[in-house]
Amino acid sequence: IPVLGFPDASGAVTEVMVDSTPQIARLESMFSERSLVPTDPAIADAAFPTASRVATTLARISSIEGGGFTKTDPRLDRTDMQFGFMPGLRKPDGSFINAGYGYTLAAMMLRPKSRGSVSLRDSDFRSAPRIHLNLLGDERDWDVLKKGLAISRRIFAHGPIADYVIEETLPGAHITSDEALDAMKAQLSGVVHHPVGT
């Protein structure tokens, strides 16, 4: 399995393992060959030869074009973070922020500590159950997601892709303190269906 390394300011390297499936392995070429340059329409069209417009491009390609896995803490015995590299400027719920060229790197926590519950509403079997997801109910989960954001920022600050970063849209490069990120928790977090559970 290929491993990409991204240094932080201190020189410590975060290693991201790249899944061996062809689609996800494209991540390696994105960083080494500059094959995805969504900020320039002509280059973006060349990178996605099956489409000449953003709308048709997004309709014809997978929603996740690359990805990888890493540990947010080197002391962990296995990875706890998955990244999904997607064309388009997206919100955490997967919807698009606006039309135009851009990309999203979603940080997905693989082993949440928060636990919800499912219980009976009443004695009538036809009644819908009570479902309490309790998302981010354990503060450790939010801490892991903030570490995922920090790793995402390091990825885009190094290597060939750094040449094509114009601005960070969400949360925005000026949002750096824990307090500022905490205030945006609802805007920055969402739910995905597959990393854990059934």
C-alpha atoms as a PDB file:
ATOM      1  CA  ILE A   1       0.000   0.000   0.000  1.00  0.00           C
ATOM      2  CA  PRO A   2       1.536   3.338  -0.997  1.00  0.00           C
ATOM      3  CA  VAL A   3       2.214   5.783   1.824  1.00  0.00           C
ATOM      4  CA  LEU A   4       2.361   9.537   1.361  1.00  0.00           C
ATOM      5  CA  GLY A   5       4.061  11.714   3.979  1.00  0.00           C
ATOM      6  CA  PHE A   6       3.149  15.288   4.893  1.00  0.00           C
ATOM      7  CA  PRO A   7       5.476  17.245   7.214  1.00  0.00           C
ATOM      8  CA  ASP A   8       4.175  19.719   9.773  1.00  0.00           C
ATOM      9  CA  ALA A   9       5.982  22.884  10.896  1.00  0.00           C
ATOM     10  CA  SER A  10       8.168  20.918  13.312  1.00  0.00           C
ATOM     11  CA  GLY A  11       9.223  18.454  10.610  1.00  0.00           C
ATOM     12  CA  ALA A  12       7.170  15.555  12.011  1.00  0.00           C
ATOM     13  CA  VAL A  13       5.624  13.579   9.190  1.00  0.00           C
ATOM     14  CA  THR A  14       2.032  12.404   9.055  1.00  0.00           C
ATOM     15  CA  GLU A  15       1.846   9.274   6.931  1.00  0.00           C
ATOM     16  CA  VAL A  16      -1.328   8.619   4.966  1.00  0.00           C
ATOM     17  CA  MET A  17      -1.805   5.106   3.606  1.00  0.00           C
ATOM     18  CA  VAL A  18      -3.481   5.077   0.212  1.00  0.00           C
ATOM     19  CA  ASP A  19      -5.911   2.249  -0.499  1.00  0.00           C
ATOM     20  CA  SER A  20      -4.840   0.084  -3.416  1.00  0.00           C
ATOM     21  CA  THR A  21      -8.056   0.363  -5.448  1.00  0.00           C
ATOM     22  CA  PRO A  22      -7.442   2.202  -8.737  1.00  0.00           C
ATOM     23  CA  GLN A  23      -9.749   5.093  -7.960  1.00  0.00           C
ATOM     24  CA  ILE A  24      -8.289   5.818  -4.543  1.00  0.00           C
ATOM     25  CA  ALA A  25      -4.714   5.211  -5.692  1.00  0.00           C
ATOM     26  CA  ARG A  26      -5.150   8.263  -7.954  1.00  0.00           C
ATOM     27  CA  LEU A  27      -4.420  10.330  -4.842  1.00  0.00           C
ATOM     28  CA  GLU A  28      -0.732   9.543  -5.256  1.00  0.00           C
ATOM     29  CA  SER A  29      -0.701  10.860  -8.823  1.00  0.00           C
ATOM     30  CA  MET A  30      -2.641  13.965  -7.803  1.00  0.00           C
ATOM     31  CA  PHE A  31       0.212  14.958  -5.533  1.00  0.00           C
ATOM     32  CA  SER A  32       3.106  13.779  -7.702  1.00  0.00           C
ATOM     33  CA  GLU A  33       1.911  14.702 -11.204  1.00  0.00           C
ATOM     34  CA  ARG A  34      -0.378  17.692 -10.562  1.00  0.00           C
ATOM     35  CA  SER A  35      -3.105  15.851 -12.454  1.00  0.00           C
ATOM     36  CA  LEU A  36      -5.993  17.578 -10.709  1.00  0.00           C
ATOM     37  CA  VAL A  37      -6.029  21.351 -10.939  1.00  0.00           C
ATOM     38  CA  PRO A  38      -9.610  22.466 -10.406  1.00  0.00           C
ATOM     39  CA  THR A  39      -8.852  26.188 -10.075  1.00  0.00           C
ATOM     40  CA  ASP A  40      -8.129  26.595 -13.813  1.00  0.00           C
ATOM     41  CA  PRO A  41     -11.032  25.562 -16.117  1.00  0.00           C
ATOM     42  CA  ALA A  42      -8.783  24.540 -19.021  1.00  0.00           C
ATOM     43  CA  ILE A  43      -6.586  22.346 -16.831  1.00  0.00           C
ATOM     44  CA  ALA A  44      -9.589  20.962 -14.932  1.00  0.00           C
ATOM     45  CA  ASP A  45     -11.214  19.968 -18.225  1.00  0.00           C
ATOM     46  CA  ALA A  46      -7.996  18.193 -19.225  1.00  0.00           C
ATOM     47  CA  ALA A  47      -7.893  16.396 -15.873  1.00  0.00           C
ATOM     48  CA  PHE A  48     -11.474  15.205 -16.429  1.00  0.00           C
ATOM     49  CA  PRO A  49     -11.516  14.503 -20.186  1.00  0.00           C
ATOM     50  CA  THR A  50     -15.033  13.015 -20.131  1.00  0.00           C
ATOM     51  CA  ALA A  51     -16.591  16.393 -19.375  1.00  0.00           C
ATOM     52  CA  SER A  52     -16.166  19.979 -20.451  1.00  0.00           C
ATOM     53  CA  ARG A  53     -18.397  21.682 -17.911  1.00  0.00           C
ATOM     54  CA  VAL A  54     -18.458  21.477 -14.125  1.00  0.00           C
ATOM     55  CA  ALA A  55     -22.025  20.140 -13.997  1.00  0.00           C
ATOM     56  CA  THR A  56     -21.367  17.293 -16.408  1.00  0.00           C
ATOM     57  CA  THR A  57     -18.009  16.588 -14.817  1.00  0.00           C
ATOM     58  CA  LEU A  58     -19.621  16.127 -11.427  1.00  0.00           C
ATOM     59  CA  ALA A  59     -22.336  13.956 -12.945  1.00  0.00           C
ATOM     60  CA  ARG A  60     -19.836  11.635 -14.645  1.00  0.00           C
ATOM     61  CA  ILE A  61     -17.216  11.032 -12.002  1.00  0.00           C
ATOM     62  CA  SER A  62     -17.269   9.384  -8.628  1.00  0.00           C
ATOM     63  CA  SER A  63     -18.073  11.639  -5.736  1.00  0.00           C
ATOM     64  CA  ILE A  64     -14.808  10.558  -4.088  1.00  0.00           C
ATOM     65  CA  GLU A  65     -11.827  10.587  -6.426  1.00  0.00           C
ATOM     66  CA  GLY A  66      -9.139   9.752  -3.904  1.00  0.00           C
ATOM     67  CA  GLY A  67      -8.644   8.970  -0.274  1.00  0.00           C
ATOM     68  CA  GLY A  68      -6.416   7.705   2.429  1.00  0.00           C
ATOM     69  CA  PHE A  69      -6.218   6.637   6.044  1.00  0.00           C
ATOM     70  CA  THR A  70      -4.063   7.873   8.911  1.00  0.00           C
ATOM     71  CA  LYS A  71      -3.667   7.967  12.669  1.00  0.00           C
ATOM     72  CA  THR A  72      -4.423  11.280  14.367  1.00  0.00           C
ATOM     73  CA  ASP A  73      -2.161  10.156  17.203  1.00  0.00           C
ATOM     74  CA  PRO A  74       0.983   8.055  16.538  1.00  0.00           C
ATOM     75  CA  ARG A  75       0.349   6.086  19.741  1.00  0.00           C
ATOM     76  CA  LEU A  76      -2.794   4.497  18.272  1.00  0.00           C
ATOM     77  CA  ASP A  77      -2.565   0.862  17.178  1.00  0.00           C
ATOM     78  CA  ARG A  78      -4.603   1.477  13.988  1.00  0.00           C
ATOM     79  CA  THR A  79      -5.862   4.292  11.827  1.00  0.00           C
ATOM     80  CA  ASP A  80      -8.728   6.396  13.129  1.00  0.00           C
ATOM     81  CA  MET A  81      -9.183   8.869  10.263  1.00  0.00           C
ATOM     82  CA  GLN A  82     -10.244   8.437   6.654  1.00  0.00           C
ATOM     83  CA  PHE A  83      -9.931  11.195   4.052  1.00  0.00           C
ATOM     84  CA  GLY A  84     -12.061  11.543   0.956  1.00  0.00           C
ATOM     85  CA  PHE A  85     -10.851  13.830  -1.849  1.00  0.00           C
ATOM     86  CA  MET A  86     -13.830  15.099  -3.846  1.00  0.00           C
ATOM     87  CA  PRO A  87     -14.304  17.460  -6.760  1.00  0.00           C
ATOM     88  CA  GLY A  88     -16.392  20.519  -5.949  1.00  0.00           C
ATOM     89  CA  LEU A  89     -16.686  22.835  -2.973  1.00  0.00           C
ATOM     90  CA  ARG A  90     -18.824  20.857  -0.550  1.00  0.00           C
ATOM     91  CA  LYS A  91     -20.439  21.302   2.832  1.00  0.00           C
ATOM     92  CA  PRO A  92     -20.108  18.531   5.438  1.00  0.00           C
ATOM     93  CA  ASP A  93     -23.496  17.117   4.359  1.00  0.00           C
ATOM     94  CA  GLY A  94     -22.121  16.609   0.825  1.00  0.00           C
ATOM     95  CA  SER A  95     -24.117  19.401  -0.813  1.00  0.00           C
ATOM     96  CA  PHE A  96     -22.253  21.974  -2.876  1.00  0.00           C
ATOM     97  CA  ILE A  97     -21.306  25.357  -1.440  1.00  0.00           C
ATOM     98  CA  ASN A  98     -21.504  27.006  -4.856  1.00  0.00           C
ATOM     99  CA  ALA A  99     -20.846  26.367  -8.527  1.00  0.00           C
ATOM    100  CA  GLY A 100     -17.335  26.662  -9.847  1.00  0.00           C
ATOM    101  CA  TYR A 101     -14.026  24.928  -9.650  1.00  0.00           C
ATOM    102  CA  GLY A 102     -12.739  23.609  -6.369  1.00  0.00           C
ATOM    103  CA  TYR A 103     -12.215  20.508  -4.298  1.00  0.00           C
ATOM    104  CA  THR A 104     -12.953  19.159  -0.852  1.00  0.00           C
ATOM    105  CA  LEU A 105     -10.945  16.934   1.454  1.00  0.00           C
ATOM    106  CA  ALA A 106     -13.341  15.414   3.973  1.00  0.00           C
ATOM    107  CA  ALA A 107     -11.893  14.123   7.244  1.00  0.00           C
ATOM    108  CA  MET A 108     -13.986  11.190   8.495  1.00  0.00           C
ATOM    109  CA  MET A 109     -13.549   9.774  11.992  1.00  0.00           C
ATOM    110  CA  LEU A 110     -13.555   5.976  11.934  1.00  0.00           C
ATOM    111  CA  ARG A 111     -13.942   5.065  15.601  1.00  0.00           C
ATOM    112  CA  PRO A 112     -16.248   7.516  17.404  1.00  0.00           C
ATOM    113  CA  LYS A 113     -16.513   7.291  21.178  1.00  0.00           C
ATOM    114  CA  SER A 114     -20.008   8.833  21.305  1.00  0.00           C
ATOM    115  CA  ARG A 115     -22.830   6.363  21.792  1.00  0.00           C
ATOM    116  CA  GLY A 116     -26.467   6.941  21.037  1.00  0.00           C
ATOM    117  CA  SER A 117     -29.508   4.888  21.863  1.00  0.00           C
ATOM    118  CA  VAL A 118     -32.603   3.322  20.347  1.00  0.00           C
ATOM    119  CA  SER A 119     -35.576   2.707  22.621  1.00  0.00           C
ATOM    120  CA  LEU A 120     -39.275   1.984  22.448  1.00  0.00           C
ATOM    121  CA  ARG A 121     -41.549   5.003  22.304  1.00  0.00           C
ATOM    122  CA  ASP A 122     -44.468   3.132  23.866  1.00  0.00           C
ATOM    123  CA  SER A 123     -46.034  -0.339  23.960  1.00  0.00           C
ATOM    124  CA  ASP A 124     -47.547  -0.026  20.454  1.00  0.00           C
ATOM    125  CA  PHE A 125     -45.403  -1.992  17.996  1.00  0.00           C
ATOM    126  CA  ARG A 126     -46.490   0.362  15.193  1.00  0.00           C
ATOM    127  CA  SER A 127     -44.921   3.381  16.884  1.00  0.00           C
ATOM    128  CA  ALA A 128     -41.605   4.603  15.550  1.00  0.00           C
ATOM    129  CA  PRO A 129     -38.734   4.020  17.956  1.00  0.00           C
ATOM    130  CA  ARG A 130     -36.966   6.826  19.781  1.00  0.00           C
ATOM    131  CA  ILE A 131     -33.570   7.302  18.197  1.00  0.00           C
ATOM    132  CA  HIS A 132     -30.987   9.507  19.865  1.00  0.00           C
ATOM    133  CA  LEU A 133     -27.808   9.631  17.767  1.00  0.00           C
ATOM    134  CA  ASN A 134     -25.821  11.616  20.343  1.00  0.00           C
ATOM    135  CA  LEU A 135     -23.405  12.700  17.630  1.00  0.00           C
ATOM    136  CA  LEU A 136     -20.279  14.295  19.092  1.00  0.00           C
ATOM    137  CA  GLY A 137     -21.695  13.655  22.550  1.00  0.00           C
ATOM    138  CA  ASP A 138     -18.222  12.610  23.652  1.00  0.00           C
ATOM    139  CA  GLU A 139     -15.876  15.600  23.367  1.00  0.00           C
ATOM    140  CA  ARG A 140     -13.014  13.284  22.339  1.00  0.00           C
ATOM    141  CA  ASP A 141     -14.746  12.830  18.953  1.00  0.00           C
ATOM    142  CA  TRP A 142     -14.673  16.548  18.217  1.00  0.00           C
ATOM    143  CA  ASP A 143     -10.998  16.635  19.233  1.00  0.00           C
ATOM    144  CA  VAL A 144     -10.232  13.887  16.690  1.00  0.00           C
ATOM    145  CA  LEU A 145     -12.082  15.767  13.944  1.00  0.00           C
ATOM    146  CA  LYS A 146     -10.117  18.928  14.708  1.00  0.00           C
ATOM    147  CA  LYS A 147      -6.921  16.898  14.343  1.00  0.00           C
ATOM    148  CA  GLY A 148      -8.250  15.691  10.984  1.00  0.00           C
ATOM    149  CA  LEU A 149      -8.687  19.308   9.903  1.00  0.00           C
ATOM    150  CA  ALA A 150      -5.095  20.069  10.930  1.00  0.00           C
ATOM    151  CA  ILE A 151      -3.838  17.123   8.862  1.00  0.00           C
ATOM    152  CA  SER A 152      -5.960  18.262   5.899  1.00  0.00           C
ATOM    153  CA  ARG A 153      -4.398  21.701   6.115  1.00  0.00           C
ATOM    154  CA  ARG A 154      -0.896  20.185   6.152  1.00  0.00           C
ATOM    155  CA  ILE A 155      -1.713  18.097   3.066  1.00  0.00           C
ATOM    156  CA  PHE A 156      -2.737  21.185   1.105  1.00  0.00           C
ATOM    157  CA  ALA A 157       0.243  23.209   2.344  1.00  0.00           C
ATOM    158  CA  HIS A 158       2.852  20.800   0.907  1.00  0.00           C
ATOM    159  CA  GLY A 159       3.655  19.131  -2.361  1.00  0.00           C
ATOM    160  CA  PRO A 160       2.510  20.078  -5.843  1.00  0.00           C
ATOM    161  CA  ILE A 161      -1.103  20.599  -4.831  1.00  0.00           C
ATOM    162  CA  ALA A 162      -0.077  23.533  -2.622  1.00  0.00           C
ATOM    163  CA  ASP A 163       0.627  25.522  -5.799  1.00  0.00           C
ATOM    164  CA  TYR A 164      -3.067  25.405  -6.661  1.00  0.00           C
ATOM    165  CA  VAL A 165      -4.634  26.320  -3.342  1.00  0.00           C
ATOM    166  CA  ILE A 166      -6.206  29.759  -3.677  1.00  0.00           C
ATOM    167  CA  GLU A 167      -8.149  29.844  -0.430  1.00  0.00           C
ATOM    168  CA  GLU A 168      -9.678  27.608   2.185  1.00  0.00           C
ATOM    169  CA  THR A 169     -13.447  27.972   1.975  1.00  0.00           C
ATOM    170  CA  LEU A 170     -14.635  26.070   5.030  1.00  0.00           C
ATOM    171  CA  PRO A 171     -13.874  26.798   7.809  1.00  0.00           C
ATOM    172  CA  GLY A 172     -11.476  29.379   6.352  1.00  0.00           C
ATOM    173  CA  ALA A 173      -7.740  29.711   6.955  1.00  0.00           C
ATOM    174  CA  HIS A 174      -8.331  32.459   9.532  1.00  0.00           C
ATOM    175  CA  ILE A 175     -10.230  30.021  11.774  1.00  0.00           C
ATOM    176  CA  THR A 176      -7.441  28.412  13.789  1.00  0.00           C
ATOM    177  CA  SER A 177      -8.194  28.535  17.502  1.00  0.00           C
ATOM    178  CA  ASP A 178     -10.053  25.770  19.306  1.00  0.00           C
ATOM    179  CA  GLU A 179     -12.600  28.342  20.446  1.00  0.00           C
ATOM    180  CA  ALA A 180     -13.333  29.498  16.894  1.00  0.00           C
ATOM    181  CA  LEU A 181     -13.589  25.917  15.620  1.00  0.00           C
ATOM    182  CA  ASP A 182     -15.830  24.968  18.558  1.00  0.00           C
ATOM    183  CA  ALA A 183     -18.167  27.838  17.665  1.00  0.00           C
ATOM    184  CA  MET A 184     -18.506  26.361  14.154  1.00  0.00           C
ATOM    185  CA  LYS A 185     -18.988  22.746  15.236  1.00  0.00           C
ATOM    186  CA  ALA A 186     -22.462  22.452  13.671  1.00  0.00           C
ATOM    187  CA  GLN A 187     -21.264  23.979  10.383  1.00  0.00           C
ATOM    188  CA  LEU A 188     -18.151  21.813  10.173  1.00  0.00           C
ATOM    189  CA  SER A 189     -19.519  18.394  11.038  1.00  0.00           C
ATOM    190  CA  GLY A 190     -21.754  15.979   9.222  1.00  0.00           C
ATOM    191  CA  VAL A 191     -22.577  12.293   9.002  1.00  0.00           C
ATOM    192  CA  VAL A 192     -21.367   9.793   6.429  1.00  0.00           C
ATOM    193  CA  HIS A 193     -22.832   6.368   5.975  1.00  0.00           C
ATOM    194  CA  HIS A 194     -20.032   3.872   5.557  1.00  0.00           C
ATOM    195  CA  PRO A 195     -16.884   4.245   7.691  1.00  0.00           C
ATOM    196  CA  VAL A 196     -18.393   2.442  10.697  1.00  0.00           C
ATOM    197  CA  GLY A 197     -21.454   0.380  11.565  1.00  0.00           C
ATOM    198  CA  THR A 198     -23.932  -1.414   9.385  1.00  0.00           C
END
